[in-house]
Amino acid sequence: MNFNLPSFSGMAGGLQGFESPMTRAEAKKILNIGSVAPSKDTVREAHRRLLIANHPDKGGSTYIASKINEAKEVMLGKKST
């Protein structure tokens, strides 16, 4: 399988110093989810596929892995924006 990771450039909205909280729209972009109201299973599957493709132990970026985890939390409602 070949996964294309989304671009993270410009996601902070031009803020410097501290990042703004991730929105649901940004989380959907990171997880490559197109549906308006994805199910929890869809979010979990997208999260799992991206983490496997970008696992830090296999040379992936820890920063990107943290953003993938944050996107999952936002989409599942575990982290408020």
PDB file of N, CA and C in Angstrom:
ATOM      1  N   MET A   1       0.831  -1.180   0.000  1.00  0.00           N
ATOM      2  CA  MET A   1       0.000   0.000   0.000  1.00  0.00           C
ATOM      3  C   MET A   1       0.869   1.234   0.000  1.00  0.00           C
ATOM      4  N   ASN A   2       0.397   2.227  -0.663  1.00  0.00           N
ATOM      5  CA  ASN A   2       1.123   3.477  -0.744  1.00  0.00           C
ATOM      6  C   ASN A   2       0.238   4.587  -0.189  1.00  0.00           C
ATOM      7  N   PHE A   3       0.675   5.257   0.877  1.00  0.00           N
ATOM      8  CA  PHE A   3      -0.108   6.321   1.489  1.00  0.00           C
ATOM      9  C   PHE A   3       0.579   7.654   1.244  1.00  0.00           C
ATOM     10  N   ASN A   4      -0.205   8.630   0.879  1.00  0.00           N
ATOM     11  CA  ASN A   4       0.307   9.987   0.724  1.00  0.00           C
ATOM     12  C   ASN A   4      -0.061  10.764   1.972  1.00  0.00           C
ATOM     13  N   LEU A   5       0.940  11.203   2.716  1.00  0.00           N
ATOM     14  CA  LEU A   5       0.683  11.983   3.907  1.00  0.00           C
ATOM     15  C   LEU A   5       0.357  13.414   3.503  1.00  0.00           C
ATOM     16  N   PRO A   6      -0.616  14.036   4.188  1.00  0.00           N
ATOM     17  CA  PRO A   6      -0.998  15.398   3.839  1.00  0.00           C
ATOM     18  C   PRO A   6       0.091  16.397   4.201  1.00  0.00           C
ATOM     19  N   SER A   7       0.049  17.522   3.552  1.00  0.00           N
ATOM     20  CA  SER A   7       1.001  18.590   3.833  1.00  0.00           C
ATOM     21  C   SER A   7       0.592  19.303   5.111  1.00  0.00           C
ATOM     22  N   PHE A   8       1.539  19.560   5.985  1.00  0.00           N
ATOM     23  CA  PHE A   8       1.241  20.251   7.225  1.00  0.00           C
ATOM     24  C   PHE A   8       1.652  21.716   7.167  1.00  0.00           C
ATOM     25  N   SER A   9       2.093  22.187   6.023  1.00  0.00           N
ATOM     26  CA  SER A   9       2.527  23.575   5.926  1.00  0.00           C
ATOM     27  C   SER A   9       1.325  24.505   5.967  1.00  0.00           C
ATOM     28  N   GLY A  10       1.446  25.559   6.721  1.00  0.00           N
ATOM     29  CA  GLY A  10       0.396  26.560   6.791  1.00  0.00           C
ATOM     30  C   GLY A  10      -0.765  26.200   7.695  1.00  0.00           C
ATOM     31  N   MET A  11      -0.694  25.093   8.401  1.00  0.00           N
ATOM     32  CA  MET A  11      -1.831  24.684   9.222  1.00  0.00           C
ATOM     33  C   MET A  11      -1.948  25.515  10.491  1.00  0.00           C
ATOM     34  N   ALA A  12      -0.899  26.174  10.919  1.00  0.00           N
ATOM     35  CA  ALA A  12      -0.973  26.978  12.135  1.00  0.00           C
ATOM     36  C   ALA A  12      -1.623  28.332  11.862  1.00  0.00           C
ATOM     37  N   GLY A  13      -1.979  28.603  10.619  1.00  0.00           N
ATOM     38  CA  GLY A  13      -2.687  29.832  10.289  1.00  0.00           C
ATOM     39  C   GLY A  13      -1.848  31.080  10.445  1.00  0.00           C
ATOM     40  N   GLY A  14      -0.549  30.970  10.313  1.00  0.00           N
ATOM     41  CA  GLY A  14       0.313  32.138  10.387  1.00  0.00           C
ATOM     42  C   GLY A  14       0.686  32.547  11.800  1.00  0.00           C
ATOM     43  N   LEU A  15       0.279  31.794  12.810  1.00  0.00           N
ATOM     44  CA  LEU A  15       0.654  32.123  14.178  1.00  0.00           C
ATOM     45  C   LEU A  15       2.105  31.748  14.425  1.00  0.00           C
ATOM     46  N   GLN A  16       2.754  32.527  15.247  1.00  0.00           N
ATOM     47  CA  GLN A  16       4.129  32.207  15.609  1.00  0.00           C
ATOM     48  C   GLN A  16       4.193  32.004  17.111  1.00  0.00           C
ATOM     49  N   GLY A  17       5.055  31.132  17.545  1.00  0.00           N
ATOM     50  CA  GLY A  17       5.199  30.871  18.969  1.00  0.00           C
ATOM     51  C   GLY A  17       4.355  29.706  19.416  1.00  0.00           C
ATOM     52  N   PHE A  18       3.067  29.900  19.518  1.00  0.00           N
ATOM     53  CA  PHE A  18       2.158  28.843  19.956  1.00  0.00           C
ATOM     54  C   PHE A  18       1.231  28.483  18.813  1.00  0.00           C
ATOM     55  N   GLU A  19       0.955  27.201  18.690  1.00  0.00           N
ATOM     56  CA  GLU A  19       0.035  26.752  17.653  1.00  0.00           C
ATOM     57  C   GLU A  19      -1.397  26.948  18.113  1.00  0.00           C
ATOM     58  N   SER A  20      -2.266  27.246  17.176  1.00  0.00           N
ATOM     59  CA  SER A  20      -3.681  27.341  17.500  1.00  0.00           C
ATOM     60  C   SER A  20      -4.249  25.937  17.651  1.00  0.00           C
ATOM     61  N   PRO A  21      -5.346  25.787  18.378  1.00  0.00           N
ATOM     62  CA  PRO A  21      -5.958  24.459  18.525  1.00  0.00           C
ATOM     63  C   PRO A  21      -6.398  23.924  17.164  1.00  0.00           C
ATOM     64  N   MET A  22      -6.287  22.624  16.991  1.00  0.00           N
ATOM     65  CA  MET A  22      -6.660  21.994  15.729  1.00  0.00           C
ATOM     66  C   MET A  22      -8.178  21.999  15.579  1.00  0.00           C
ATOM     67  N   THR A  23      -8.651  22.367  14.403  1.00  0.00           N
ATOM     68  CA  THR A  23     -10.082  22.344  14.115  1.00  0.00           C
ATOM     69  C   THR A  23     -10.461  20.981  13.528  1.00  0.00           C
ATOM     70  N   ARG A  24     -11.765  20.712  13.487  1.00  0.00           N
ATOM     71  CA  ARG A  24     -12.235  19.462  12.883  1.00  0.00           C
ATOM     72  C   ARG A  24     -11.892  19.415  11.398  1.00  0.00           C
ATOM     73  N   ALA A  25     -11.945  20.556  10.718  1.00  0.00           N
ATOM     74  CA  ALA A  25     -11.611  20.589   9.287  1.00  0.00           C
ATOM     75  C   ALA A  25     -10.151  20.199   9.077  1.00  0.00           C
ATOM     76  N   GLU A  26      -9.254  20.714   9.915  1.00  0.00           N
ATOM     77  CA  GLU A  26      -7.841  20.355   9.814  1.00  0.00           C
ATOM     78  C   GLU A  26      -7.637  18.875  10.139  1.00  0.00           C
ATOM     79  N   ALA A  27      -8.348  18.388  11.150  1.00  0.00           N
ATOM     80  CA  ALA A  27      -8.234  16.977  11.531  1.00  0.00           C
ATOM     81  C   ALA A  27      -8.681  16.069  10.390  1.00  0.00           C
ATOM     82  N   LYS A  28      -9.756  16.448   9.697  1.00  0.00           N
ATOM     83  CA  LYS A  28     -10.237  15.648   8.566  1.00  0.00           C
ATOM     84  C   LYS A  28      -9.211  15.638   7.440  1.00  0.00           C
ATOM     85  N   LYS A  29      -8.536  16.777   7.218  1.00  0.00           N
ATOM     86  CA  LYS A  29      -7.491  16.830   6.183  1.00  0.00           C
ATOM     87  C   LYS A  29      -6.321  15.924   6.544  1.00  0.00           C
ATOM     88  N   ILE A  30      -5.904  15.980   7.791  1.00  0.00           N
ATOM     89  CA  ILE A  30      -4.774  15.167   8.232  1.00  0.00           C
ATOM     90  C   ILE A  30      -5.083  13.683   8.088  1.00  0.00           C
ATOM     91  N   LEU A  31      -6.300  13.290   8.468  1.00  0.00           N
ATOM     92  CA  LEU A  31      -6.678  11.886   8.412  1.00  0.00           C
ATOM     93  C   LEU A  31      -7.181  11.451   7.036  1.00  0.00           C
ATOM     94  N   ASN A  32      -7.224  12.383   6.091  1.00  0.00           N
ATOM     95  CA  ASN A  32      -7.701  12.101   4.722  1.00  0.00           C
ATOM     96  C   ASN A  32      -9.118  11.538   4.729  1.00  0.00           C
ATOM     97  N   ILE A  33      -9.997  12.173   5.499  1.00  0.00           N
ATOM     98  CA  ILE A  33     -11.390  11.745   5.584  1.00  0.00           C
ATOM     99  C   ILE A  33     -12.233  12.749   4.813  1.00  0.00           C
ATOM    100  N   GLY A  34     -13.023  12.236   3.871  1.00  0.00           N
ATOM    101  CA  GLY A  34     -13.824  13.116   3.038  1.00  0.00           C
ATOM    102  C   GLY A  34     -15.261  13.292   3.479  1.00  0.00           C
ATOM    103  N   SER A  35     -15.798  12.366   4.258  1.00  0.00           N
ATOM    104  CA  SER A  35     -17.208  12.453   4.623  1.00  0.00           C
ATOM    105  C   SER A  35     -17.439  13.557   5.653  1.00  0.00           C
ATOM    106  N   VAL A  36     -18.660  14.094   5.637  1.00  0.00           N
ATOM    107  CA  VAL A  36     -19.009  15.198   6.525  1.00  0.00           C
ATOM    108  C   VAL A  36     -19.046  14.736   7.981  1.00  0.00           C
ATOM    109  N   ALA A  37     -19.663  13.601   8.230  1.00  0.00           N
ATOM    110  CA  ALA A  37     -19.774  13.072   9.594  1.00  0.00           C
ATOM    111  C   ALA A  37     -19.269  11.631   9.613  1.00  0.00           C
ATOM    112  N   PRO A  38     -17.942  11.462   9.666  1.00  0.00           N
ATOM    113  CA  PRO A  38     -17.394  10.101   9.648  1.00  0.00           C
ATOM    114  C   PRO A  38     -17.707   9.343  10.935  1.00  0.00           C
ATOM    115  N   SER A  39     -17.859   8.037  10.812  1.00  0.00           N
ATOM    116  CA  SER A  39     -18.100   7.204  11.996  1.00  0.00           C
ATOM    117  C   SER A  39     -16.799   7.063  12.790  1.00  0.00           C
ATOM    118  N   LYS A  40     -16.942   6.644  14.027  1.00  0.00           N
ATOM    119  CA  LYS A  40     -15.761   6.435  14.872  1.00  0.00           C
ATOM    120  C   LYS A  40     -14.850   5.372  14.268  1.00  0.00           C
ATOM    121  N   ASP A  41     -15.450   4.345  13.666  1.00  0.00           N
ATOM    122  CA  ASP A  41     -14.647   3.291  13.044  1.00  0.00           C
ATOM    123  C   ASP A  41     -13.847   3.830  11.862  1.00  0.00           C
ATOM    124  N   THR A  42     -14.439   4.738  11.083  1.00  0.00           N
ATOM    125  CA  THR A  42     -13.740   5.351   9.952  1.00  0.00           C
ATOM    126  C   THR A  42     -12.548   6.160  10.449  1.00  0.00           C
ATOM    127  N   VAL A  43     -12.754   6.934  11.509  1.00  0.00           N
ATOM    128  CA  VAL A  43     -11.679   7.753  12.082  1.00  0.00           C
ATOM    129  C   VAL A  43     -10.566   6.854  12.614  1.00  0.00           C
ATOM    130  N   ARG A  44     -10.934   5.814  13.329  1.00  0.00           N
ATOM    131  CA  ARG A  44      -9.935   4.903  13.908  1.00  0.00           C
ATOM    132  C   ARG A  44      -9.138   4.179  12.813  1.00  0.00           C
ATOM    133  N   GLU A  45      -9.808   3.770  11.743  1.00  0.00           N
ATOM    134  CA  GLU A  45      -9.122   3.084  10.646  1.00  0.00           C
ATOM    135  C   GLU A  45      -8.165   4.035   9.924  1.00  0.00           C
ATOM    136  N   ALA A  46      -8.599   5.260   9.666  1.00  0.00           N
ATOM    137  CA  ALA A  46      -7.720   6.240   9.017  1.00  0.00           C
ATOM    138  C   ALA A  46      -6.501   6.524   9.897  1.00  0.00           C
ATOM    139  N   HIS A  47      -6.727   6.664  11.191  1.00  0.00           N
ATOM    140  CA  HIS A  47      -5.646   6.903  12.152  1.00  0.00           C
ATOM    141  C   HIS A  47      -4.652   5.744  12.136  1.00  0.00           C
ATOM    142  N   ARG A  48      -5.178   4.522  12.187  1.00  0.00           N
ATOM    143  CA  ARG A  48      -4.317   3.340  12.206  1.00  0.00           C
ATOM    144  C   ARG A  48      -3.466   3.253  10.939  1.00  0.00           C
ATOM    145  N   ARG A  49      -4.076   3.466   9.770  1.00  0.00           N
ATOM    146  CA  ARG A  49      -3.333   3.381   8.507  1.00  0.00           C
ATOM    147  C   ARG A  49      -2.226   4.429   8.439  1.00  0.00           C
ATOM    148  N   LEU A  50      -2.527   5.653   8.867  1.00  0.00           N
ATOM    149  CA  LEU A  50      -1.519   6.705   8.812  1.00  0.00           C
ATOM    150  C   LEU A  50      -0.382   6.462   9.800  1.00  0.00           C
ATOM    151  N   LEU A  51      -0.714   5.983  10.984  1.00  0.00           N
ATOM    152  CA  LEU A  51       0.356   5.711  11.959  1.00  0.00           C
ATOM    153  C   LEU A  51       1.251   4.572  11.509  1.00  0.00           C
ATOM    154  N   ILE A  52       0.677   3.565  10.903  1.00  0.00           N
ATOM    155  CA  ILE A  52       1.498   2.459  10.384  1.00  0.00           C
ATOM    156  C   ILE A  52       2.424   2.981   9.285  1.00  0.00           C
ATOM    157  N   ALA A  53       1.904   3.829   8.413  1.00  0.00           N
ATOM    158  CA  ALA A  53       2.712   4.367   7.308  1.00  0.00           C
ATOM    159  C   ALA A  53       3.786   5.337   7.795  1.00  0.00           C
ATOM    160  N   ASN A  54       3.563   5.985   8.944  1.00  0.00           N
ATOM    161  CA  ASN A  54       4.493   7.002   9.429  1.00  0.00           C
ATOM    162  C   ASN A  54       4.963   6.700  10.853  1.00  0.00           C
ATOM    163  N   HIS A  55       5.206   5.467  11.168  1.00  0.00           N
ATOM    164  CA  HIS A  55       5.613   5.117  12.535  1.00  0.00           C
ATOM    165  C   HIS A  55       7.038   5.612  12.808  1.00  0.00           C
ATOM    166  N   PRO A  56       7.235   6.318  13.940  1.00  0.00           N
ATOM    167  CA  PRO A  56       8.576   6.833  14.258  1.00  0.00           C
ATOM    168  C   PRO A  56       9.652   5.752  14.345  1.00  0.00           C
ATOM    169  N   ASP A  57       9.292   4.544  14.758  1.00  0.00           N
ATOM    170  CA  ASP A  57      10.278   3.465  14.836  1.00  0.00           C
ATOM    171  C   ASP A  57      10.754   3.015  13.463  1.00  0.00           C
ATOM    172  N   LYS A  58      10.005   3.342  12.432  1.00  0.00           N
ATOM    173  CA  LYS A  58      10.364   2.966  11.066  1.00  0.00           C
ATOM    174  C   LYS A  58      10.836   4.166  10.254  1.00  0.00           C
ATOM    175  N   GLY A  59      11.313   5.201  10.931  1.00  0.00           N
ATOM    176  CA  GLY A  59      11.873   6.359  10.248  1.00  0.00           C
ATOM    177  C   GLY A  59      10.894   7.488  10.021  1.00  0.00           C
ATOM    178  N   GLY A  60       9.679   7.363  10.524  1.00  0.00           N
ATOM    179  CA  GLY A  60       8.687   8.423  10.368  1.00  0.00           C
ATOM    180  C   GLY A  60       8.938   9.565  11.337  1.00  0.00           C
ATOM    181  N   SER A  61       8.231  10.637  11.151  1.00  0.00           N
ATOM    182  CA  SER A  61       8.383  11.826  11.976  1.00  0.00           C
ATOM    183  C   SER A  61       7.548  11.724  13.247  1.00  0.00           C
ATOM    184  N   THR A  62       8.164  11.991  14.376  1.00  0.00           N
ATOM    185  CA  THR A  62       7.442  12.004  15.645  1.00  0.00           C
ATOM    186  C   THR A  62       6.442  13.149  15.667  1.00  0.00           C
ATOM    187  N   TYR A  63       6.789  14.285  15.075  1.00  0.00           N
ATOM    188  CA  TYR A  63       5.889  15.439  15.020  1.00  0.00           C
ATOM    189  C   TYR A  63       4.627  15.091  14.233  1.00  0.00           C
ATOM    190  N   ILE A  64       4.796  14.464  13.077  1.00  0.00           N
ATOM    191  CA  ILE A  64       3.640  14.095  12.267  1.00  0.00           C
ATOM    192  C   ILE A  64       2.800  13.052  12.986  1.00  0.00           C
ATOM    193  N   ALA A  65       3.439  12.107  13.651  1.00  0.00           N
ATOM    194  CA  ALA A  65       2.699  11.105  14.425  1.00  0.00           C
ATOM    195  C   ALA A  65       1.881  11.777  15.523  1.00  0.00           C
ATOM    196  N   SER A  66       2.434  12.799  16.169  1.00  0.00           N
ATOM    197  CA  SER A  66       1.686  13.500  17.211  1.00  0.00           C
ATOM    198  C   SER A  66       0.496  14.247  16.623  1.00  0.00           C
ATOM    199  N   LYS A  67       0.664  14.804  15.418  1.00  0.00           N
ATOM    200  CA  LYS A  67      -0.444  15.495  14.754  1.00  0.00           C
ATOM    201  C   LYS A  67      -1.524  14.510  14.319  1.00  0.00           C
ATOM    202  N   ILE A  68      -1.144  13.325  13.887  1.00  0.00           N
ATOM    203  CA  ILE A  68      -2.114  12.292  13.525  1.00  0.00           C
ATOM    204  C   ILE A  68      -2.908  11.892  14.768  1.00  0.00           C
ATOM    205  N   ASN A  69      -2.227  11.725  15.896  1.00  0.00           N
ATOM    206  CA  ASN A  69      -2.904  11.389  17.151  1.00  0.00           C
ATOM    207  C   ASN A  69      -3.837  12.513  17.595  1.00  0.00           C
ATOM    208  N   GLU A  70      -3.386  13.753  17.468  1.00  0.00           N
ATOM    209  CA  GLU A  70      -4.210  14.895  17.842  1.00  0.00           C
ATOM    210  C   GLU A  70      -5.457  14.970  16.957  1.00  0.00           C
ATOM    211  N   ALA A  71      -5.300  14.692  15.663  1.00  0.00           N
ATOM    212  CA  ALA A  71      -6.437  14.711  14.736  1.00  0.00           C
ATOM    213  C   ALA A  71      -7.476  13.672  15.143  1.00  0.00           C
ATOM    214  N   LYS A  72      -7.019  12.492  15.542  1.00  0.00           N
ATOM    215  CA  LYS A  72      -7.944  11.450  15.991  1.00  0.00           C
ATOM    216  C   LYS A  72      -8.708  11.914  17.223  1.00  0.00           C
ATOM    217  N   GLU A  73      -8.013  12.518  18.174  1.00  0.00           N
ATOM    218  CA  GLU A  73      -8.657  13.000  19.389  1.00  0.00           C
ATOM    219  C   GLU A  73      -9.701  14.067  19.083  1.00  0.00           C
ATOM    220  N   VAL A  74      -9.379  14.961  18.163  1.00  0.00           N
ATOM    221  CA  VAL A  74     -10.323  16.015  17.786  1.00  0.00           C
ATOM    222  C   VAL A  74     -11.552  15.415  17.127  1.00  0.00           C
ATOM    223  N   MET A  75     -11.357  14.465  16.219  1.00  0.00           N
ATOM    224  CA  MET A  75     -12.474  13.871  15.504  1.00  0.00           C
ATOM    225  C   MET A  75     -13.361  13.002  16.399  1.00  0.00           C
ATOM    226  N   LEU A  76     -12.787  12.401  17.415  1.00  0.00           N
ATOM    227  CA  LEU A  76     -13.566  11.569  18.329  1.00  0.00           C
ATOM    228  C   LEU A  76     -14.121  12.360  19.500  1.00  0.00           C
ATOM    229  N   GLY A  77     -13.836  13.664  19.536  1.00  0.00           N
ATOM    230  CA  GLY A  77     -14.383  14.516  20.581  1.00  0.00           C
ATOM    231  C   GLY A  77     -13.666  14.426  21.904  1.00  0.00           C
ATOM    232  N   LYS A  78     -12.460  13.873  21.910  1.00  0.00           N
ATOM    233  CA  LYS A  78     -11.710  13.737  23.152  1.00  0.00           C
ATOM    234  C   LYS A  78     -10.888  14.980  23.456  1.00  0.00           C
ATOM    235  N   LYS A  79     -10.779  15.858  22.454  1.00  0.00           N
ATOM    236  CA  LYS A  79      -9.993  17.072  22.650  1.00  0.00           C
ATOM    237  C   LYS A  79     -10.822  18.227  22.101  1.00  0.00           C
ATOM    238  N   SER A  80     -11.144  19.176  22.944  1.00  0.00           N
ATOM    239  CA  SER A  80     -11.964  20.295  22.497  1.00  0.00           C
ATOM    240  C   SER A  80     -11.107  21.343  21.812  1.00  0.00           C
ATOM    241  N   THR A  81     -11.713  22.055  20.860  1.00  0.00           N
ATOM    242  CA  THR A  81     -10.990  23.110  20.132  1.00  0.00           C
ATOM    243  C   THR A  81     -11.307  24.456  20.679  1.00  0.00           C
TER     244      THR A  81
END
